[in-house]
N, C-alpha and C. Protein backbone atom coordinates (compact mmCIF):
# COMPACT_ATOMS: atom_id res chain seq x y z
N MET A 1 -14.68 22.80 -0.07
CA MET A 1 -13.33 23.31 0.06
C MET A 1 -12.46 22.23 0.71
N ALA A 2 -11.34 21.93 0.11
CA ALA A 2 -10.47 20.87 0.59
C ALA A 2 -9.68 21.33 1.81
N ARG A 3 -9.99 20.75 2.96
CA ARG A 3 -9.27 21.12 4.18
C ARG A 3 -7.93 20.42 4.24
N LEU A 4 -7.92 19.12 3.91
CA LEU A 4 -6.67 18.36 3.96
C LEU A 4 -5.69 18.89 2.92
N GLY A 5 -6.19 19.27 1.76
CA GLY A 5 -5.32 19.76 0.70
C GLY A 5 -4.59 21.05 1.06
N LYS A 6 -5.13 21.82 2.01
CA LYS A 6 -4.50 23.08 2.41
C LYS A 6 -3.33 22.88 3.35
N LYS A 7 -3.28 21.72 4.05
CA LYS A 7 -2.19 21.48 5.00
C LYS A 7 -0.88 21.27 4.24
N PRO A 8 0.18 21.94 4.64
CA PRO A 8 1.46 21.72 3.96
C PRO A 8 2.08 20.39 4.36
N VAL A 9 2.92 19.85 3.48
CA VAL A 9 3.66 18.62 3.76
C VAL A 9 5.09 19.03 4.12
N GLU A 10 5.52 18.65 5.31
CA GLU A 10 6.87 18.97 5.77
C GLU A 10 7.89 18.13 5.00
N ILE A 11 9.02 18.73 4.62
CA ILE A 11 10.11 18.01 3.96
C ILE A 11 11.18 17.74 5.01
N PRO A 12 11.35 16.47 5.44
CA PRO A 12 12.35 16.17 6.46
C PRO A 12 13.78 16.23 5.91
N GLU A 13 14.76 16.20 6.81
CA GLU A 13 16.17 16.20 6.41
C GLU A 13 16.47 14.96 5.58
N GLY A 14 17.30 15.11 4.56
CA GLY A 14 17.70 13.98 3.72
C GLY A 14 16.74 13.66 2.60
N VAL A 15 15.70 14.48 2.42
CA VAL A 15 14.73 14.26 1.34
C VAL A 15 14.86 15.40 0.33
N ASN A 16 15.01 15.03 -0.95
CA ASN A 16 15.09 16.01 -2.03
C ASN A 16 13.79 15.99 -2.82
N VAL A 17 13.21 17.16 -3.02
CA VAL A 17 11.96 17.28 -3.78
C VAL A 17 12.20 18.25 -4.92
N LYS A 18 11.80 17.85 -6.13
CA LYS A 18 11.88 18.77 -7.27
C LYS A 18 10.67 18.58 -8.18
N ILE A 19 10.31 19.64 -8.87
CA ILE A 19 9.15 19.64 -9.76
C ILE A 19 9.64 19.99 -11.16
N GLU A 20 9.37 19.10 -12.11
CA GLU A 20 9.75 19.32 -13.51
C GLU A 20 8.65 18.83 -14.43
N ASN A 21 8.25 19.64 -15.39
CA ASN A 21 7.29 19.27 -16.44
C ASN A 21 6.00 18.65 -15.89
N GLY A 22 5.48 19.20 -14.81
CA GLY A 22 4.22 18.70 -14.27
C GLY A 22 4.34 17.40 -13.50
N ILE A 23 5.54 17.04 -13.09
CA ILE A 23 5.76 15.83 -12.31
C ILE A 23 6.57 16.20 -11.07
N ILE A 24 6.17 15.68 -9.91
CA ILE A 24 6.91 15.92 -8.68
C ILE A 24 7.75 14.68 -8.37
N TYR A 25 9.03 14.89 -8.09
CA TYR A 25 9.97 13.81 -7.77
C TYR A 25 10.38 13.96 -6.31
N VAL A 26 10.32 12.85 -5.57
CA VAL A 26 10.73 12.83 -4.16
C VAL A 26 11.78 11.74 -4.02
N GLU A 27 12.94 12.13 -3.48
CA GLU A 27 14.05 11.17 -3.35
C GLU A 27 14.56 11.18 -1.92
N GLY A 28 14.80 9.98 -1.37
CA GLY A 28 15.30 9.84 0.00
C GLY A 28 16.11 8.57 0.14
N LYS A 29 16.36 8.17 1.37
CA LYS A 29 17.23 7.01 1.62
C LYS A 29 16.61 5.70 1.15
N ASN A 30 15.27 5.61 1.06
CA ASN A 30 14.61 4.37 0.64
C ASN A 30 14.31 4.30 -0.85
N GLY A 31 14.65 5.34 -1.61
CA GLY A 31 14.41 5.29 -3.04
C GLY A 31 13.92 6.61 -3.61
N LYS A 32 13.43 6.51 -4.85
CA LYS A 32 12.95 7.70 -5.57
C LYS A 32 11.55 7.41 -6.09
N LEU A 33 10.62 8.34 -5.86
CA LEU A 33 9.24 8.19 -6.31
C LEU A 33 8.82 9.43 -7.10
N SER A 34 7.85 9.26 -7.98
CA SER A 34 7.35 10.40 -8.76
C SER A 34 5.83 10.33 -8.87
N GLN A 35 5.21 11.49 -9.07
CA GLN A 35 3.76 11.57 -9.21
C GLN A 35 3.43 12.71 -10.17
N LYS A 36 2.53 12.42 -11.12
CA LYS A 36 2.08 13.44 -12.06
C LYS A 36 1.14 14.40 -11.32
N ILE A 37 1.31 15.69 -11.56
CA ILE A 37 0.46 16.70 -10.93
C ILE A 37 -0.80 16.83 -11.78
N PHE A 38 -1.96 16.77 -11.13
CA PHE A 38 -3.23 16.81 -11.84
C PHE A 38 -3.45 18.18 -12.48
N PRO A 39 -4.25 18.25 -13.58
CA PRO A 39 -4.52 19.53 -14.22
C PRO A 39 -5.25 20.49 -13.26
N ASN A 40 -5.01 21.77 -13.43
CA ASN A 40 -5.62 22.85 -12.64
C ASN A 40 -5.16 22.89 -11.19
N LEU A 41 -4.11 22.11 -10.85
CA LEU A 41 -3.51 22.16 -9.52
C LEU A 41 -2.05 22.53 -9.67
N SER A 42 -1.51 23.22 -8.68
CA SER A 42 -0.09 23.55 -8.73
C SER A 42 0.56 23.14 -7.41
N VAL A 43 1.85 22.79 -7.48
CA VAL A 43 2.61 22.40 -6.30
C VAL A 43 3.76 23.38 -6.15
N VAL A 44 3.89 23.94 -4.95
CA VAL A 44 4.92 24.94 -4.68
C VAL A 44 5.71 24.51 -3.45
N ILE A 45 7.03 24.72 -3.50
CA ILE A 45 7.90 24.40 -2.37
C ILE A 45 8.36 25.72 -1.75
N GLU A 46 8.04 25.92 -0.46
CA GLU A 46 8.44 27.13 0.26
C GLU A 46 8.86 26.75 1.68
N ASP A 47 10.04 27.17 2.11
CA ASP A 47 10.52 26.98 3.49
C ASP A 47 10.43 25.54 3.95
N LYS A 48 10.97 24.59 3.17
CA LYS A 48 10.98 23.17 3.52
C LYS A 48 9.56 22.61 3.70
N LYS A 49 8.60 23.18 2.99
CA LYS A 49 7.22 22.71 3.01
C LYS A 49 6.69 22.64 1.59
N ILE A 50 5.83 21.67 1.34
CA ILE A 50 5.20 21.51 0.02
C ILE A 50 3.75 21.95 0.15
N PHE A 51 3.33 22.88 -0.70
CA PHE A 51 1.96 23.37 -0.72
C PHE A 51 1.31 22.96 -2.03
N VAL A 52 0.05 22.47 -1.95
CA VAL A 52 -0.74 22.15 -3.14
C VAL A 52 -1.82 23.21 -3.24
N ARG A 53 -1.94 23.82 -4.42
CA ARG A 53 -2.90 24.91 -4.59
C ARG A 53 -3.85 24.61 -5.75
N ASN A 54 -5.11 24.99 -5.56
CA ASN A 54 -6.15 24.85 -6.58
C ASN A 54 -6.15 26.13 -7.41
N GLU A 55 -5.97 26.01 -8.71
CA GLU A 55 -5.86 27.17 -9.59
C GLU A 55 -7.19 27.55 -10.27
N VAL A 56 -8.30 26.88 -9.93
CA VAL A 56 -9.58 27.13 -10.58
C VAL A 56 -10.35 28.18 -9.79
N ASP A 57 -11.05 29.06 -10.51
CA ASP A 57 -11.88 30.09 -9.89
C ASP A 57 -13.10 29.44 -9.23
N PRO A 58 -13.39 29.72 -7.96
CA PRO A 58 -14.52 29.10 -7.27
C PRO A 58 -15.88 29.39 -7.91
N LYS A 59 -15.96 30.41 -8.76
CA LYS A 59 -17.22 30.72 -9.43
C LYS A 59 -17.60 29.65 -10.45
N ASN A 60 -16.61 28.97 -11.01
CA ASN A 60 -16.86 27.86 -11.94
C ASN A 60 -17.10 26.61 -11.10
N LYS A 61 -18.34 26.45 -10.58
CA LYS A 61 -18.63 25.44 -9.57
C LYS A 61 -18.34 24.01 -10.01
N LYS A 62 -18.68 23.64 -11.23
CA LYS A 62 -18.53 22.25 -11.69
C LYS A 62 -17.04 21.86 -11.74
N LEU A 63 -16.23 22.68 -12.36
CA LEU A 63 -14.80 22.39 -12.48
C LEU A 63 -14.10 22.53 -11.14
N TYR A 64 -14.52 23.52 -10.34
CA TYR A 64 -13.91 23.73 -9.03
C TYR A 64 -14.14 22.52 -8.12
N ARG A 65 -15.34 21.97 -8.17
CA ARG A 65 -15.66 20.80 -7.34
C ARG A 65 -14.79 19.61 -7.70
N LYS A 66 -14.60 19.39 -8.99
CA LYS A 66 -13.77 18.27 -9.46
C LYS A 66 -12.32 18.45 -9.01
N THR A 67 -11.76 19.63 -9.20
CA THR A 67 -10.37 19.86 -8.81
C THR A 67 -10.22 19.92 -7.30
N ASP A 68 -11.29 20.29 -6.59
CA ASP A 68 -11.26 20.32 -5.13
C ASP A 68 -11.07 18.90 -4.57
N GLN A 69 -11.70 17.92 -5.21
CA GLN A 69 -11.54 16.53 -4.80
C GLN A 69 -10.12 16.05 -5.05
N LEU A 70 -9.57 16.42 -6.20
CA LEU A 70 -8.20 16.01 -6.54
C LEU A 70 -7.16 16.74 -5.69
N HIS A 71 -7.53 17.90 -5.14
CA HIS A 71 -6.63 18.70 -4.32
C HIS A 71 -6.16 17.90 -3.10
N GLY A 72 -7.11 17.35 -2.34
CA GLY A 72 -6.78 16.55 -1.16
C GLY A 72 -6.07 15.26 -1.53
N LEU A 73 -6.48 14.65 -2.65
CA LEU A 73 -5.83 13.41 -3.09
C LEU A 73 -4.37 13.64 -3.42
N LEU A 74 -4.06 14.70 -4.15
CA LEU A 74 -2.67 14.97 -4.52
C LEU A 74 -1.83 15.24 -3.28
N ARG A 75 -2.38 15.98 -2.33
CA ARG A 75 -1.64 16.26 -1.09
C ARG A 75 -1.35 14.95 -0.34
N SER A 76 -2.33 14.03 -0.27
CA SER A 76 -2.13 12.74 0.40
C SER A 76 -1.09 11.89 -0.33
N LEU A 77 -1.12 11.90 -1.66
CA LEU A 77 -0.14 11.13 -2.43
C LEU A 77 1.28 11.66 -2.19
N ILE A 78 1.43 12.98 -2.13
CA ILE A 78 2.74 13.57 -1.87
C ILE A 78 3.20 13.24 -0.45
N PHE A 79 2.28 13.32 0.52
CA PHE A 79 2.62 12.97 1.90
C PHE A 79 3.09 11.52 1.99
N ASN A 80 2.38 10.60 1.31
CA ASN A 80 2.75 9.18 1.31
C ASN A 80 4.11 8.96 0.65
N MET A 81 4.42 9.74 -0.38
CA MET A 81 5.72 9.63 -1.04
C MET A 81 6.83 10.04 -0.09
N VAL A 82 6.65 11.16 0.61
CA VAL A 82 7.67 11.66 1.54
C VAL A 82 7.86 10.65 2.67
N LYS A 83 6.77 10.13 3.21
CA LYS A 83 6.87 9.14 4.29
C LYS A 83 7.52 7.85 3.78
N GLY A 84 7.22 7.46 2.55
CA GLY A 84 7.77 6.23 1.97
C GLY A 84 9.27 6.29 1.78
N VAL A 85 9.80 7.43 1.32
CA VAL A 85 11.25 7.51 1.08
C VAL A 85 12.02 7.72 2.37
N THR A 86 11.35 8.10 3.46
CA THR A 86 12.05 8.25 4.74
C THR A 86 11.88 7.01 5.62
N GLU A 87 10.65 6.60 5.90
CA GLU A 87 10.38 5.48 6.80
C GLU A 87 10.09 4.18 6.05
N GLY A 88 9.37 4.26 4.95
CA GLY A 88 8.95 3.08 4.22
C GLY A 88 7.64 2.54 4.75
N TYR A 89 7.07 1.59 4.03
CA TYR A 89 5.80 0.97 4.40
C TYR A 89 5.99 -0.53 4.55
N GLU A 90 5.14 -1.14 5.37
CA GLU A 90 5.27 -2.57 5.64
C GLU A 90 3.89 -3.18 5.83
N LYS A 91 3.67 -4.35 5.23
CA LYS A 91 2.47 -5.15 5.46
C LYS A 91 2.96 -6.52 5.93
N ILE A 92 2.29 -7.07 6.93
CA ILE A 92 2.67 -8.36 7.47
C ILE A 92 1.53 -9.34 7.23
N LEU A 93 1.87 -10.48 6.61
CA LEU A 93 0.90 -11.53 6.33
C LEU A 93 1.28 -12.78 7.11
N GLU A 94 0.27 -13.52 7.55
CA GLU A 94 0.51 -14.77 8.28
C GLU A 94 -0.11 -15.92 7.50
N ILE A 95 0.60 -17.05 7.47
CA ILE A 95 0.11 -18.25 6.80
C ILE A 95 -0.38 -19.20 7.88
N HIS A 96 -1.65 -19.60 7.81
CA HIS A 96 -2.24 -20.53 8.78
C HIS A 96 -2.62 -21.81 8.07
N GLY A 97 -2.24 -22.94 8.63
CA GLY A 97 -2.59 -24.24 8.08
C GLY A 97 -1.44 -25.22 8.24
N VAL A 98 -1.77 -26.49 8.47
CA VAL A 98 -0.75 -27.52 8.65
C VAL A 98 -0.04 -27.76 7.33
N GLY A 99 1.29 -27.63 7.34
CA GLY A 99 2.09 -27.85 6.14
C GLY A 99 2.16 -26.65 5.21
N TYR A 100 1.47 -25.57 5.55
CA TYR A 100 1.52 -24.37 4.73
C TYR A 100 2.80 -23.60 5.08
N LYS A 101 3.52 -23.14 4.06
CA LYS A 101 4.75 -22.38 4.32
C LYS A 101 5.11 -21.53 3.12
N GLY A 102 6.06 -20.64 3.34
CA GLY A 102 6.54 -19.77 2.28
C GLY A 102 8.04 -19.59 2.38
N GLU A 103 8.67 -19.29 1.24
CA GLU A 103 10.11 -19.01 1.23
C GLU A 103 10.43 -18.10 0.05
N VAL A 104 11.54 -17.38 0.17
CA VAL A 104 11.97 -16.48 -0.89
C VAL A 104 13.22 -17.08 -1.54
N LYS A 105 13.18 -17.21 -2.88
CA LYS A 105 14.35 -17.65 -3.65
C LYS A 105 14.57 -16.65 -4.77
N GLY A 106 15.67 -15.90 -4.66
CA GLY A 106 15.95 -14.88 -5.66
C GLY A 106 14.89 -13.79 -5.63
N ASN A 107 14.24 -13.56 -6.78
CA ASN A 107 13.17 -12.56 -6.82
C ASN A 107 11.80 -13.22 -6.91
N ARG A 108 11.67 -14.42 -6.33
CA ARG A 108 10.41 -15.15 -6.34
C ARG A 108 10.01 -15.54 -4.92
N LEU A 109 8.72 -15.46 -4.64
CA LEU A 109 8.15 -15.94 -3.39
C LEU A 109 7.47 -17.26 -3.71
N ILE A 110 7.91 -18.33 -3.04
CA ILE A 110 7.37 -19.66 -3.29
C ILE A 110 6.50 -20.05 -2.10
N LEU A 111 5.22 -20.32 -2.38
CA LEU A 111 4.25 -20.64 -1.33
C LEU A 111 3.75 -22.08 -1.50
N THR A 112 3.79 -22.86 -0.43
CA THR A 112 3.23 -24.20 -0.41
C THR A 112 1.96 -24.13 0.42
N LEU A 113 0.81 -24.25 -0.25
CA LEU A 113 -0.47 -23.96 0.40
C LEU A 113 -1.49 -25.08 0.26
N GLY A 114 -1.03 -26.32 0.11
CA GLY A 114 -1.96 -27.44 0.02
C GLY A 114 -2.46 -27.70 -1.39
N PHE A 115 -2.00 -26.94 -2.37
CA PHE A 115 -2.34 -27.22 -3.76
C PHE A 115 -1.45 -28.36 -4.26
N THR A 116 -1.70 -28.86 -5.46
CA THR A 116 -0.89 -29.95 -6.01
C THR A 116 0.51 -29.50 -6.38
N HIS A 117 0.71 -28.21 -6.41
CA HIS A 117 2.01 -27.65 -6.80
C HIS A 117 2.30 -26.41 -5.96
N PRO A 118 3.58 -26.08 -5.75
CA PRO A 118 3.88 -24.81 -5.06
C PRO A 118 3.55 -23.62 -5.97
N VAL A 119 3.09 -22.54 -5.36
CA VAL A 119 2.72 -21.34 -6.11
C VAL A 119 3.91 -20.38 -6.07
N GLU A 120 4.35 -19.93 -7.25
CA GLU A 120 5.47 -18.99 -7.34
C GLU A 120 4.94 -17.62 -7.75
N VAL A 121 5.34 -16.61 -7.00
CA VAL A 121 4.93 -15.23 -7.29
C VAL A 121 6.19 -14.40 -7.48
N GLU A 122 6.26 -13.69 -8.59
CA GLU A 122 7.43 -12.83 -8.84
C GLU A 122 7.30 -11.55 -8.03
N ILE A 123 8.38 -11.19 -7.33
CA ILE A 123 8.39 -10.00 -6.49
C ILE A 123 8.66 -8.79 -7.38
N PRO A 124 7.78 -7.77 -7.37
CA PRO A 124 7.98 -6.60 -8.23
C PRO A 124 9.20 -5.77 -7.80
N GLU A 125 9.69 -4.98 -8.73
CA GLU A 125 10.83 -4.11 -8.46
C GLU A 125 10.44 -3.04 -7.42
N GLY A 126 11.32 -2.79 -6.48
CA GLY A 126 11.07 -1.80 -5.44
C GLY A 126 10.40 -2.38 -4.20
N ILE A 127 10.12 -3.68 -4.20
CA ILE A 127 9.49 -4.35 -3.06
C ILE A 127 10.48 -5.36 -2.49
N LYS A 128 10.59 -5.38 -1.16
CA LYS A 128 11.43 -6.37 -0.48
C LYS A 128 10.51 -7.31 0.29
N VAL A 129 10.73 -8.61 0.13
CA VAL A 129 9.91 -9.61 0.82
C VAL A 129 10.83 -10.47 1.68
N GLU A 130 10.41 -10.68 2.92
CA GLU A 130 11.17 -11.50 3.85
C GLU A 130 10.20 -12.48 4.50
N VAL A 131 10.60 -13.75 4.63
CA VAL A 131 9.76 -14.76 5.27
C VAL A 131 10.44 -15.18 6.56
N SER A 132 9.70 -15.11 7.66
CA SER A 132 10.22 -15.47 8.97
C SER A 132 9.46 -16.68 9.49
N LYS A 133 10.16 -17.66 10.02
CA LYS A 133 9.57 -18.88 10.60
C LYS A 133 8.69 -19.63 9.60
N ASN A 134 8.93 -19.47 8.33
CA ASN A 134 8.18 -20.12 7.23
C ASN A 134 6.71 -19.71 7.15
N THR A 135 6.19 -18.95 8.12
CA THR A 135 4.76 -18.64 8.11
C THR A 135 4.44 -17.15 8.21
N VAL A 136 5.43 -16.30 8.38
CA VAL A 136 5.17 -14.85 8.48
C VAL A 136 5.89 -14.17 7.31
N ILE A 137 5.12 -13.44 6.50
CA ILE A 137 5.66 -12.77 5.32
C ILE A 137 5.65 -11.27 5.57
N PHE A 138 6.83 -10.64 5.44
CA PHE A 138 6.97 -9.19 5.57
C PHE A 138 7.13 -8.61 4.16
N VAL A 139 6.24 -7.71 3.78
CA VAL A 139 6.32 -7.02 2.49
C VAL A 139 6.67 -5.57 2.79
N ARG A 140 7.83 -5.11 2.29
CA ARG A 140 8.30 -3.75 2.58
C ARG A 140 8.65 -3.02 1.31
N GLY A 141 8.51 -1.67 1.35
CA GLY A 141 8.88 -0.85 0.21
C GLY A 141 8.58 0.61 0.48
N ALA A 142 9.00 1.46 -0.45
CA ALA A 142 8.81 2.90 -0.30
C ALA A 142 7.46 3.35 -0.86
N ASP A 143 6.93 2.64 -1.85
CA ASP A 143 5.67 3.02 -2.50
C ASP A 143 4.50 2.33 -1.79
N LYS A 144 3.66 3.10 -1.13
CA LYS A 144 2.55 2.56 -0.34
C LYS A 144 1.60 1.75 -1.22
N GLN A 145 1.32 2.23 -2.41
CA GLN A 145 0.38 1.55 -3.30
C GLN A 145 0.93 0.20 -3.74
N LYS A 146 2.20 0.14 -4.09
CA LYS A 146 2.82 -1.12 -4.54
C LYS A 146 2.86 -2.15 -3.41
N VAL A 147 3.20 -1.70 -2.19
CA VAL A 147 3.28 -2.61 -1.04
C VAL A 147 1.90 -3.20 -0.76
N GLY A 148 0.87 -2.36 -0.71
CA GLY A 148 -0.49 -2.83 -0.46
C GLY A 148 -1.01 -3.74 -1.55
N GLU A 149 -0.73 -3.41 -2.79
CA GLU A 149 -1.20 -4.22 -3.92
C GLU A 149 -0.53 -5.59 -3.94
N PHE A 150 0.78 -5.65 -3.66
CA PHE A 150 1.48 -6.94 -3.67
C PHE A 150 1.03 -7.80 -2.48
N ALA A 151 0.79 -7.19 -1.32
CA ALA A 151 0.30 -7.94 -0.16
C ALA A 151 -1.10 -8.50 -0.46
N ALA A 152 -1.94 -7.73 -1.13
CA ALA A 152 -3.28 -8.20 -1.50
C ALA A 152 -3.20 -9.33 -2.52
N THR A 153 -2.22 -9.25 -3.44
CA THR A 153 -2.02 -10.31 -4.43
C THR A 153 -1.65 -11.62 -3.75
N ILE A 154 -0.77 -11.54 -2.75
CA ILE A 154 -0.38 -12.75 -2.01
C ILE A 154 -1.58 -13.32 -1.27
N ARG A 155 -2.33 -12.46 -0.61
CA ARG A 155 -3.49 -12.92 0.17
C ARG A 155 -4.55 -13.55 -0.73
N ARG A 156 -4.70 -13.02 -1.94
CA ARG A 156 -5.70 -13.50 -2.89
C ARG A 156 -5.43 -14.93 -3.35
N ILE A 157 -4.18 -15.39 -3.25
CA ILE A 157 -3.83 -16.74 -3.67
C ILE A 157 -4.58 -17.77 -2.84
N CYS A 158 -4.66 -17.56 -1.53
CA CYS A 158 -5.34 -18.50 -0.64
C CYS A 158 -5.95 -17.73 0.54
N PRO A 159 -7.11 -17.09 0.32
CA PRO A 159 -7.72 -16.31 1.41
C PRO A 159 -8.15 -17.23 2.55
N PRO A 160 -8.34 -16.69 3.75
CA PRO A 160 -8.70 -17.54 4.88
C PRO A 160 -10.02 -18.27 4.66
N ASP A 161 -10.03 -19.54 5.01
CA ASP A 161 -11.21 -20.39 4.91
C ASP A 161 -12.15 -20.04 6.06
N SER A 162 -13.44 -19.94 5.80
CA SER A 162 -14.38 -19.53 6.84
C SER A 162 -14.81 -20.67 7.75
N TYR A 163 -14.39 -21.91 7.45
CA TYR A 163 -14.75 -23.05 8.30
C TYR A 163 -13.59 -23.49 9.20
N LYS A 164 -12.36 -23.52 8.66
CA LYS A 164 -11.21 -23.97 9.44
C LYS A 164 -10.23 -22.84 9.74
N GLY A 165 -10.31 -21.74 9.01
CA GLY A 165 -9.42 -20.61 9.25
C GLY A 165 -8.08 -20.73 8.54
N LYS A 166 -7.92 -21.77 7.69
CA LYS A 166 -6.66 -21.95 6.97
C LYS A 166 -6.54 -20.95 5.83
N GLY A 167 -5.30 -20.53 5.54
CA GLY A 167 -5.07 -19.61 4.44
C GLY A 167 -4.12 -18.50 4.83
N ILE A 168 -4.06 -17.47 3.99
CA ILE A 168 -3.17 -16.32 4.23
C ILE A 168 -4.03 -15.15 4.69
N ARG A 169 -3.61 -14.51 5.79
CA ARG A 169 -4.34 -13.35 6.29
C ARG A 169 -3.35 -12.29 6.76
N TYR A 170 -3.85 -11.06 6.88
CA TYR A 170 -3.03 -9.98 7.41
C TYR A 170 -2.85 -10.20 8.91
N ARG A 171 -1.73 -9.73 9.46
CA ARG A 171 -1.51 -9.84 10.90
C ARG A 171 -2.58 -9.00 11.60
N GLY A 172 -3.22 -9.60 12.58
CA GLY A 172 -4.27 -8.92 13.33
C GLY A 172 -5.65 -9.05 12.72
N GLU A 173 -5.78 -9.64 11.54
CA GLU A 173 -7.08 -9.82 10.90
C GLU A 173 -7.84 -10.93 11.62
N TYR A 174 -9.08 -10.68 11.96
CA TYR A 174 -9.90 -11.66 12.64
C TYR A 174 -10.78 -12.36 11.61
N VAL A 175 -10.78 -13.70 11.64
CA VAL A 175 -11.60 -14.49 10.72
C VAL A 175 -12.69 -15.17 11.54
N ARG A 176 -13.93 -14.80 11.30
CA ARG A 176 -15.06 -15.45 11.99
C ARG A 176 -15.30 -16.81 11.39
N LEU A 177 -15.25 -17.83 12.21
CA LEU A 177 -15.45 -19.19 11.73
C LEU A 177 -16.93 -19.55 11.80
N LYS A 178 -17.42 -20.19 10.72
CA LYS A 178 -18.81 -20.64 10.67
C LYS A 178 -18.90 -22.01 11.33
N PRO A 179 -20.03 -22.32 11.92
CA PRO A 179 -20.19 -23.68 12.47
C PRO A 179 -20.37 -24.67 11.32
N GLY A 180 -19.79 -25.84 11.45
CA GLY A 180 -19.91 -26.87 10.42
C GLY A 180 -21.22 -27.61 10.51
N LYS A 181 -21.37 -28.64 9.66
CA LYS A 181 -22.63 -29.43 9.64
C LYS A 181 -22.86 -30.11 10.97
N ALA A 182 -21.80 -30.66 11.58
CA ALA A 182 -21.94 -31.40 12.84
C ALA A 182 -22.43 -30.48 13.95
N ALA A 183 -21.93 -29.25 14.01
CA ALA A 183 -22.35 -28.32 15.04
C ALA A 183 -23.78 -27.88 14.83
N VAL A 184 -24.21 -27.70 13.60
CA VAL A 184 -25.57 -27.28 13.30
C VAL A 184 -26.55 -28.40 13.58
N GLY A 185 -26.18 -29.64 13.20
CA GLY A 185 -27.05 -30.80 13.41
C GLY A 185 -27.22 -31.15 14.88
N ALA A 186 -26.21 -30.90 15.70
CA ALA A 186 -26.25 -31.25 17.13
C ALA A 186 -27.20 -30.35 17.90
N THR A 187 -27.50 -29.16 17.41
CA THR A 187 -28.34 -28.23 18.15
C THR A 187 -29.82 -28.52 17.97
N LYS A 188 -30.18 -29.33 17.00
CA LYS A 188 -31.61 -29.60 16.73
C LYS A 188 -32.17 -30.63 17.65
């Protein structure tokens, strides 16, 4: 039985929610998001709260179990949409390395990471990217999935090196450095 799926999602002031043709639309100051409602689940709005309900009979164990899993997922997706259009989401990346830097030009993020050429990444629609001090990248947006995916795409370009620690990492991410050949040879 989905415990999280039973919790209602509060609709804050300034957020409009509507359901049409099996799709839920959430609109707020940071934008507009939509999510398809999974089969055998229903979404109801009552008293400034969103309720997700499982429409399958519990006696049909196989189908009920499948929709029970989707029940909590749909509730979490709706909660993330409401939070995204009100507060928004943010991922912070740091660039470590001598001469490594980043800058935003138009709708492109240009990264200089020690390759023979600068790497250009196109910023997707609905995402705002800001570079501070040439080494700190702020990725912001209303859609949690898009923000996380774009931050992971940037990090994937040059992940942290396990010997020197150079590369792109999330703020607060700890990179364990391995001892090099000189350190290993000196201990023998």
